[in-house]
Amino acid sequence: MNRNRKWFMSLIMLFTILVVVTGCSGTGTTTTTTPAATVTSTSTVTSGININGVGATFPAPLYTKWFDVYYKDTGIKINYQAIGSGGGINQITEGTVDFGASDGIMTETQQSKAEEANGPILHIPMTSGAVAVIYNISGISSGQLNLSGDVLADIYLKKITKWNDYRISDINPDITLPDADIAVVHRSDGSGTTYIFTNYLSKVSTDWASEVGNATSVDWPGDIGGEKNAGVAGQVQQLPNSIGYVELAYALQNNIAFANLENAAGNFITPSIESTTKAAEGITLPDDMKVMLTNSSNPEAYPIVGFTWILVYENQKDKEKGEAIVNMLWWAIHEGQQYTTALSYAPLADDAVTRAENQILSIKYQGETLLKR
């Protein structure tokens, strides 16, 4: 009995030693691990590159979506800060970022300064969107208030100061407007949204064109400033009887009431994907894509619509990073367009895509085209 017990214990010890030895040498049992996810790249660019861009808040919800999807697909990280179009123009001019983003066309002075420092700069369209005129009037819900271009301009010029002014009441016979002062809210930072908004006002009001004009930052006649879309929206939401302007996606996401605007054909139009898309129809697009879509003659178009552009130098200083940029831009104007409508932006029309393609194909490193198609 004792001999059998000793024999059994010896077998257990021998088995234990074999397990330990084979485990240490790696020749024994193997551990199964889940393989890493495969990254499918849309380009030949090495993953792990970081691209830095700053600028417009107008397309920020779309860019956030794009750059997240693109990173997951390619491993290329795009760091984007929505600081306003003015900041985007300034930083791409100074060469502190890889691309700028703007909803406004660079002025001749801005473009000359940028090109003097770093050579030709391109305006590559990414999408188009609407600027919504938002308001906070008790008892008047979104889409109930109608405004014409000249009335809107005179509100911002402080020539119309009461909500029950006859010029507003005449185009809103079905609602009761309060005998209250209008609190006018505008962007305090340099903004492409302001560029689109003031471009529209300059087209519909000679007084606005001569007294204030069209720019990313203007001398406002008065009232309240707010930084970025969030600042304007926050002021309007807090202040009774206020009016302001933000990009449509921001108004929808935050459930802020917005007005119908009279277009060039005399129709009161609600901002939407459909009415935004109509604004770009029937327009001859220039090769450089520096064109405004405001006050479209299309009878179904919403009147405050604009492209938003990525600003990038034609001549890149770093080949690998330049290749990453052009491949990202190519993806954005093709595969990236599928994400536009869900975020209340309009996808680029075919002729706009063609012109954007030609611009991307012109981007070079030391004279060599960077995009290999």
Protein backbone atom coordinates (compact mmCIF):
# COMPACT_ATOMS: atom_id res chain seq x y z
CA MET A 1 0.00 0.00 0.00
CA ASN A 2 2.86 2.35 0.96
CA ARG A 3 4.78 1.36 -2.18
CA ASN A 4 1.71 2.17 -4.34
CA ARG A 5 1.27 5.55 -2.62
CA LYS A 6 4.96 6.46 -3.13
CA TRP A 7 4.74 5.43 -6.81
CA PHE A 8 1.62 7.58 -7.34
CA MET A 9 3.19 10.64 -5.65
CA SER A 10 6.31 10.27 -7.81
CA LEU A 11 4.18 10.36 -10.94
CA ILE A 12 2.50 13.59 -9.79
CA MET A 13 5.87 15.27 -9.11
CA LEU A 14 7.23 14.19 -12.50
CA PHE A 15 4.14 15.56 -14.27
CA THR A 16 4.46 18.89 -12.41
CA ILE A 17 8.11 19.24 -13.41
CA LEU A 18 7.28 18.55 -17.08
CA VAL A 19 4.54 21.21 -17.13
CA VAL A 20 6.83 23.84 -15.62
CA VAL A 21 9.72 23.04 -17.99
CA THR A 22 7.61 23.01 -21.14
CA GLY A 23 5.82 26.24 -20.10
CA CYS A 24 9.11 28.10 -19.63
CA SER A 25 10.65 26.85 -22.87
CA GLY A 26 7.55 27.76 -24.94
CA THR A 27 7.37 24.25 -26.42
CA GLY A 28 4.37 23.16 -24.40
CA THR A 29 0.75 24.28 -24.60
CA THR A 30 0.14 27.56 -26.50
CA THR A 31 -2.01 30.54 -25.47
CA THR A 32 -4.59 31.71 -28.03
CA THR A 33 -4.85 35.51 -28.47
CA THR A 34 -7.30 37.59 -30.48
CA PRO A 35 -5.50 39.11 -33.51
CA ALA A 36 -5.28 42.91 -33.71
CA ALA A 37 -7.88 44.64 -35.86
CA THR A 38 -6.74 45.19 -39.42
CA VAL A 39 -6.59 48.83 -40.54
CA THR A 40 -7.76 49.31 -44.09
CA SER A 41 -6.05 52.34 -45.54
CA THR A 42 -7.45 54.41 -48.39
CA SER A 43 -3.90 55.48 -49.27
CA THR A 44 -0.30 54.33 -49.24
CA VAL A 45 0.54 56.82 -46.49
CA THR A 46 2.10 55.38 -43.35
CA SER A 47 -0.27 55.35 -40.40
CA GLY A 48 0.71 57.23 -37.27
CA ILE A 49 1.13 60.62 -38.95
CA ASN A 50 -0.52 63.59 -37.26
CA ILE A 51 -2.05 66.40 -39.34
CA ASN A 52 -2.93 69.67 -37.60
CA GLY A 53 -5.64 72.06 -38.74
CA VAL A 54 -7.62 74.93 -37.27
CA GLY A 55 -10.41 77.23 -38.36
CA ALA A 56 -14.11 77.36 -39.06
CA THR A 57 -16.69 76.38 -36.46
CA PHE A 58 -19.35 76.18 -39.21
CA PRO A 59 -18.31 72.66 -40.42
CA ALA A 60 -16.97 71.48 -37.04
CA PRO A 61 -19.65 68.78 -36.44
CA LEU A 62 -18.92 67.29 -39.87
CA TYR A 63 -15.15 67.52 -39.48
CA THR A 64 -15.34 65.82 -36.10
CA LYS A 65 -17.19 62.91 -37.70
CA TRP A 66 -14.90 62.78 -40.72
CA PHE A 67 -11.65 62.81 -38.82
CA ASP A 68 -12.83 60.15 -36.39
CA VAL A 69 -13.86 57.81 -39.22
CA TYR A 70 -10.69 58.54 -41.18
CA TYR A 71 -8.46 57.76 -38.21
CA LYS A 72 -10.21 54.43 -37.66
CA ASP A 73 -9.83 53.57 -41.36
CA THR A 74 -6.24 54.69 -41.89
CA GLY A 75 -4.46 55.38 -38.62
CA ILE A 76 -3.86 58.98 -39.78
CA LYS A 77 -4.80 61.37 -36.96
CA ILE A 78 -6.18 64.79 -37.88
CA ASN A 79 -6.15 67.21 -34.96
CA TYR A 80 -8.70 69.95 -35.65
CA GLN A 81 -9.51 72.95 -33.48
CA ALA A 82 -12.61 74.98 -34.33
CA ILE A 83 -11.34 78.46 -33.45
CA GLY A 84 -13.12 80.39 -36.20
CA SER A 85 -12.34 81.11 -39.84
CA GLY A 86 -10.28 84.17 -38.96
CA GLY A 87 -7.99 82.03 -36.82
CA GLY A 88 -7.75 79.44 -39.57
CA ILE A 89 -6.66 82.05 -42.11
CA ASN A 90 -4.13 83.57 -39.70
CA GLN A 91 -2.51 80.28 -38.70
CA ILE A 92 -2.21 78.81 -42.20
CA THR A 93 -0.68 82.13 -43.26
CA GLU A 94 1.85 81.89 -40.43
CA GLY A 95 2.59 78.27 -41.32
CA THR A 96 1.85 76.98 -37.81
CA VAL A 97 -0.68 74.38 -39.03
CA ASP A 98 -0.93 71.96 -41.96
CA PHE A 99 -4.26 73.33 -43.15
CA GLY A 100 -6.70 76.10 -42.34
CA ALA A 101 -10.48 76.00 -42.61
CA SER A 102 -12.70 78.90 -43.58
CA ASP A 103 -16.26 79.67 -44.58
CA GLY A 104 -15.08 82.96 -46.03
CA ILE A 105 -12.97 83.59 -49.10
CA MET A 106 -9.58 85.07 -48.23
CA THR A 107 -9.30 88.74 -49.12
CA GLU A 108 -6.69 89.83 -51.66
CA THR A 109 -4.57 91.19 -48.81
CA GLN A 110 -4.83 87.94 -46.84
CA GLN A 111 -4.03 85.83 -49.88
CA SER A 112 -1.06 87.98 -50.89
CA LYS A 113 0.37 87.72 -47.38
CA ALA A 114 -0.01 83.94 -47.33
CA GLU A 115 1.45 83.46 -50.80
CA GLU A 116 4.37 85.75 -50.08
CA ALA A 117 5.26 83.48 -47.16
CA ASN A 118 4.53 80.02 -48.57
CA GLY A 119 3.46 80.19 -52.21
CA PRO A 120 0.06 79.61 -53.87
CA ILE A 121 -2.79 78.70 -51.52
CA LEU A 122 -5.90 76.77 -52.54
CA HIS A 123 -9.55 77.01 -51.48
CA ILE A 124 -10.83 73.42 -51.68
CA PRO A 125 -14.59 73.08 -51.05
CA MET A 126 -15.67 70.40 -48.59
CA THR A 127 -19.44 70.88 -48.27
CA SER A 128 -22.04 73.62 -48.12
CA GLY A 129 -24.37 74.60 -45.32
CA ALA A 130 -26.98 77.12 -44.22
CA VAL A 131 -26.77 79.89 -41.65
CA ALA A 132 -29.94 79.87 -39.54
CA VAL A 133 -31.38 83.05 -38.06
CA ILE A 134 -32.31 82.03 -34.51
CA TYR A 135 -34.61 83.81 -32.04
CA ASN A 136 -36.09 83.63 -28.57
CA ILE A 137 -39.63 85.00 -28.55
CA SER A 138 -42.10 83.60 -26.04
CA GLY A 139 -44.96 81.74 -27.68
CA ILE A 140 -43.44 81.74 -31.19
CA SER A 141 -41.98 78.37 -32.12
CA SER A 142 -39.45 77.45 -34.80
CA GLY A 143 -40.58 78.18 -38.35
CA GLN A 144 -43.41 80.54 -37.36
CA LEU A 145 -41.47 83.77 -37.81
CA ASN A 146 -40.90 85.17 -41.32
CA LEU A 147 -38.17 87.68 -42.09
CA SER A 148 -37.11 89.42 -45.29
CA GLY A 149 -33.54 90.36 -46.12
CA ASP A 150 -34.04 94.11 -45.82
CA VAL A 151 -35.84 93.72 -42.47
CA LEU A 152 -33.09 91.46 -41.12
CA ALA A 153 -30.45 93.96 -42.25
CA ASP A 154 -32.25 96.83 -40.55
CA ILE A 155 -32.60 94.84 -37.34
CA TYR A 156 -28.82 94.38 -37.31
CA LEU A 157 -28.32 98.02 -38.29
CA LYS A 158 -30.48 98.95 -35.26
CA LYS A 159 -32.97 100.74 -37.49
CA ILE A 160 -35.72 98.33 -36.45
CA THR A 161 -35.62 97.99 -32.66
CA LYS A 162 -39.03 96.55 -31.66
CA TRP A 163 -40.47 93.13 -32.49
CA ASN A 164 -43.91 94.63 -33.22
CA ASP A 165 -42.48 97.13 -35.73
CA TYR A 166 -44.93 97.32 -38.65
CA ARG A 167 -42.33 96.04 -41.11
CA ILE A 168 -42.05 92.78 -39.17
CA SER A 169 -45.78 92.58 -38.42
CA ASP A 170 -46.73 93.07 -42.06
CA ILE A 171 -44.95 89.86 -43.09
CA ASN A 172 -46.23 87.97 -40.03
CA PRO A 173 -49.99 88.58 -40.00
CA ASP A 174 -50.76 85.26 -38.30
CA ILE A 175 -48.69 85.74 -35.14
CA THR A 176 -48.75 88.31 -32.34
CA LEU A 177 -45.35 89.92 -31.86
CA PRO A 178 -44.45 91.49 -28.51
CA ASP A 179 -43.96 95.20 -27.88
CA ALA A 180 -40.40 94.48 -26.79
CA ASP A 181 -36.91 95.64 -27.67
CA ILE A 182 -34.95 93.31 -29.96
CA ALA A 183 -31.70 92.08 -28.39
CA VAL A 184 -29.34 91.61 -31.33
CA VAL A 185 -26.59 89.00 -30.93
CA HIS A 186 -23.58 88.65 -33.25
CA ARG A 187 -20.26 86.81 -33.39
CA SER A 188 -17.46 88.52 -31.48
CA ASP A 189 -14.68 86.43 -33.06
CA GLY A 190 -13.48 86.30 -36.65
CA SER A 191 -15.95 83.92 -38.23
CA GLY A 192 -16.78 82.39 -41.59
CA THR A 193 -20.38 82.19 -40.43
CA THR A 194 -20.24 85.98 -40.12
CA TYR A 195 -18.68 86.16 -43.58
CA ILE A 196 -21.62 84.26 -45.11
CA PHE A 197 -24.17 86.21 -43.07
CA THR A 198 -22.73 89.64 -43.93
CA ASN A 199 -22.26 88.64 -47.56
CA TYR A 200 -25.99 87.99 -47.72
CA LEU A 201 -26.87 91.25 -45.95
CA SER A 202 -24.60 93.17 -48.33
CA LYS A 203 -26.51 91.74 -51.30
CA VAL A 204 -29.99 92.55 -49.96
CA SER A 205 -29.29 95.93 -48.33
CA THR A 206 -27.39 98.82 -49.86
CA ASP A 207 -27.28 100.44 -46.41
CA TRP A 208 -25.57 97.38 -44.95
CA ALA A 209 -23.13 97.18 -47.86
CA SER A 210 -22.09 100.82 -47.46
CA GLU A 211 -22.19 101.10 -43.66
CA VAL A 212 -20.86 97.72 -42.48
CA GLY A 213 -19.86 95.48 -45.39
CA ASN A 214 -18.79 91.86 -45.78
CA ALA A 215 -15.95 90.22 -43.81
CA THR A 216 -15.19 87.55 -41.24
CA SER A 217 -15.16 90.34 -38.64
CA VAL A 218 -17.03 93.65 -38.96
CA ASP A 219 -17.79 96.73 -36.87
CA TRP A 220 -21.23 95.82 -35.57
CA PRO A 221 -23.68 98.71 -35.00
CA GLY A 222 -24.32 97.51 -31.45
CA ASP A 223 -25.73 95.06 -28.95
CA ILE A 224 -24.27 91.73 -27.81
CA GLY A 225 -21.31 89.64 -28.95
CA GLY A 226 -20.85 85.92 -28.45
CA GLU A 227 -17.81 83.77 -29.24
CA LYS A 228 -18.34 80.97 -31.74
CA ASN A 229 -21.69 79.30 -32.45
CA ALA A 230 -21.96 78.27 -28.81
CA GLY A 231 -21.57 81.84 -27.58
CA VAL A 232 -24.21 83.26 -29.93
CA ALA A 233 -26.63 80.41 -29.23
CA GLY A 234 -26.10 80.73 -25.49
CA GLN A 235 -26.87 84.46 -25.54
CA VAL A 236 -30.03 83.94 -27.59
CA GLN A 237 -31.24 81.13 -25.35
CA GLN A 238 -30.69 83.23 -22.22
CA LEU A 239 -32.05 86.55 -23.49
CA PRO A 240 -35.81 86.96 -24.08
CA ASN A 241 -36.71 88.69 -27.36
CA SER A 242 -33.26 88.12 -28.87
CA ILE A 243 -32.08 87.27 -32.38
CA GLY A 244 -28.83 85.77 -33.65
CA TYR A 245 -27.28 83.57 -36.33
CA VAL A 246 -25.57 80.15 -36.20
CA GLU A 247 -24.95 77.33 -38.62
CA LEU A 248 -28.04 75.19 -39.17
CA ALA A 249 -26.62 71.97 -37.72
CA TYR A 250 -25.94 73.76 -34.43
CA ALA A 251 -29.48 75.15 -34.25
CA LEU A 252 -31.00 71.73 -34.93
CA GLN A 253 -28.78 69.88 -32.48
CA ASN A 254 -29.61 72.36 -29.72
CA ASN A 255 -33.34 72.70 -30.53
CA ILE A 256 -33.19 76.47 -31.08
CA ALA A 257 -36.03 78.20 -32.95
CA PHE A 258 -35.12 79.65 -36.36
CA ALA A 259 -36.87 81.85 -38.91
CA ASN A 260 -38.02 81.41 -42.49
CA LEU A 261 -36.28 83.88 -44.81
CA GLU A 262 -37.59 85.48 -47.96
CA ASN A 263 -35.43 84.53 -50.93
CA ALA A 264 -34.71 86.38 -54.17
CA ALA A 265 -37.87 84.93 -55.74
CA GLY A 266 -40.03 86.28 -52.91
CA ASN A 267 -40.67 82.93 -51.22
CA PHE A 268 -40.26 82.39 -47.48
CA ILE A 269 -37.97 79.37 -47.13
CA THR A 270 -37.06 77.24 -44.13
CA PRO A 271 -33.39 76.24 -43.92
CA SER A 272 -32.95 72.52 -44.70
CA ILE A 273 -30.73 70.12 -46.64
CA GLU A 274 -33.03 70.46 -49.64
CA SER A 275 -33.16 74.26 -49.66
CA THR A 276 -29.40 74.41 -49.04
CA THR A 277 -28.72 72.14 -52.02
CA LYS A 278 -30.97 74.26 -54.24
CA ALA A 279 -28.81 77.32 -53.54
CA ALA A 280 -25.88 75.74 -55.42
CA GLU A 281 -27.91 74.71 -58.47
CA GLY A 282 -27.66 76.70 -61.67
CA ILE A 283 -24.45 78.50 -60.64
CA THR A 284 -21.37 78.50 -62.85
CA LEU A 285 -18.53 77.42 -60.58
CA PRO A 286 -15.07 78.90 -61.16
CA ASP A 287 -12.05 76.59 -61.23
CA ASP A 288 -10.68 78.09 -58.02
CA MET A 289 -14.08 77.60 -56.30
CA LYS A 290 -14.04 81.08 -54.79
CA VAL A 291 -17.75 81.70 -55.12
CA MET A 292 -20.55 82.67 -52.74
CA LEU A 293 -23.95 80.98 -52.83
CA THR A 294 -25.93 83.62 -50.91
CA ASN A 295 -29.20 85.08 -52.25
CA SER A 296 -29.58 82.41 -54.93
CA SER A 297 -32.10 83.09 -57.70
CA ASN A 298 -33.47 79.55 -57.39
CA PRO A 299 -37.09 79.91 -56.15
CA GLU A 300 -36.66 76.92 -53.80
CA ALA A 301 -33.33 78.02 -52.32
CA TYR A 302 -32.72 79.20 -48.78
CA PRO A 303 -30.84 82.51 -49.16
CA ILE A 304 -28.04 82.29 -46.55
CA VAL A 305 -25.92 79.39 -47.81
CA GLY A 306 -22.20 79.05 -48.38
CA PHE A 307 -19.39 76.64 -49.16
CA THR A 308 -16.82 75.89 -46.53
CA TRP A 309 -13.24 75.43 -47.69
CA ILE A 310 -10.03 73.83 -46.51
CA LEU A 311 -7.07 76.12 -47.17
CA VAL A 312 -3.87 74.32 -48.11
CA TYR A 313 -0.66 75.31 -49.86
CA GLU A 314 -0.05 74.04 -53.37
CA ASN A 315 3.62 73.43 -52.57
CA GLN A 316 4.12 71.18 -49.54
CA LYS A 317 7.33 71.30 -47.48
CA ASP A 318 7.15 67.74 -46.10
CA LYS A 319 6.54 64.94 -48.59
CA GLU A 320 5.12 62.33 -46.20
CA LYS A 321 2.80 64.78 -44.48
CA GLY A 322 1.82 66.28 -47.85
CA GLU A 323 0.82 62.83 -49.09
CA ALA A 324 -1.27 62.33 -45.95
CA ILE A 325 -3.04 65.66 -46.50
CA VAL A 326 -3.92 65.08 -50.17
CA ASN A 327 -5.20 61.57 -49.49
CA MET A 328 -7.36 62.86 -46.64
CA LEU A 329 -8.76 65.63 -48.85
CA TRP A 330 -9.50 63.15 -51.66
CA TRP A 331 -11.33 60.90 -49.19
CA ALA A 332 -13.33 63.88 -47.84
CA ILE A 333 -14.71 64.93 -51.23
CA HIS A 334 -15.60 61.35 -52.14
CA GLU A 335 -16.25 58.79 -49.38
CA GLY A 336 -16.64 61.53 -46.78
CA GLN A 337 -19.66 63.04 -48.52
CA GLN A 338 -21.90 60.20 -47.28
CA TYR A 339 -21.77 61.73 -43.78
CA THR A 340 -22.96 65.23 -44.75
CA THR A 341 -26.75 65.01 -44.83
CA ALA A 342 -27.13 63.32 -41.44
CA LEU A 343 -25.42 66.38 -39.94
CA SER A 344 -27.50 68.92 -41.96
CA TYR A 345 -24.85 69.77 -44.56
CA ALA A 346 -25.28 69.46 -48.32
CA PRO A 347 -23.01 67.07 -50.26
CA LEU A 348 -20.91 68.55 -53.05
CA ALA A 349 -22.45 68.46 -56.52
CA ASP A 350 -20.55 66.59 -59.24
CA ASP A 351 -19.15 69.74 -60.86
CA ALA A 352 -17.89 70.99 -57.48
CA VAL A 353 -16.22 67.62 -56.85
CA THR A 354 -14.49 67.80 -60.23
CA ARG A 355 -13.05 71.24 -59.48
CA ALA A 356 -11.99 70.12 -56.01
CA GLU A 357 -10.27 67.07 -57.54
CA ASN A 358 -8.30 69.28 -59.91
CA GLN A 359 -7.10 71.45 -57.04
CA ILE A 360 -6.01 68.44 -54.97
CA LEU A 361 -4.17 67.01 -57.98
CA SER A 362 -2.23 70.27 -58.25
CA ILE A 363 -0.66 69.88 -54.78
CA LYS A 364 3.05 69.05 -55.09
CA TYR A 365 6.28 68.38 -53.23
CA GLN A 366 9.35 69.79 -54.99
CA GLY A 367 7.45 69.86 -58.29
CA GLU A 368 6.17 66.27 -58.01
CA THR A 369 2.42 65.65 -57.78
CA LEU A 370 1.67 64.06 -54.41
CA LEU A 371 -1.58 62.29 -55.16
CA LYS A 372 -1.09 58.98 -56.96
CA ARG A 373 -4.33 57.83 -58.57
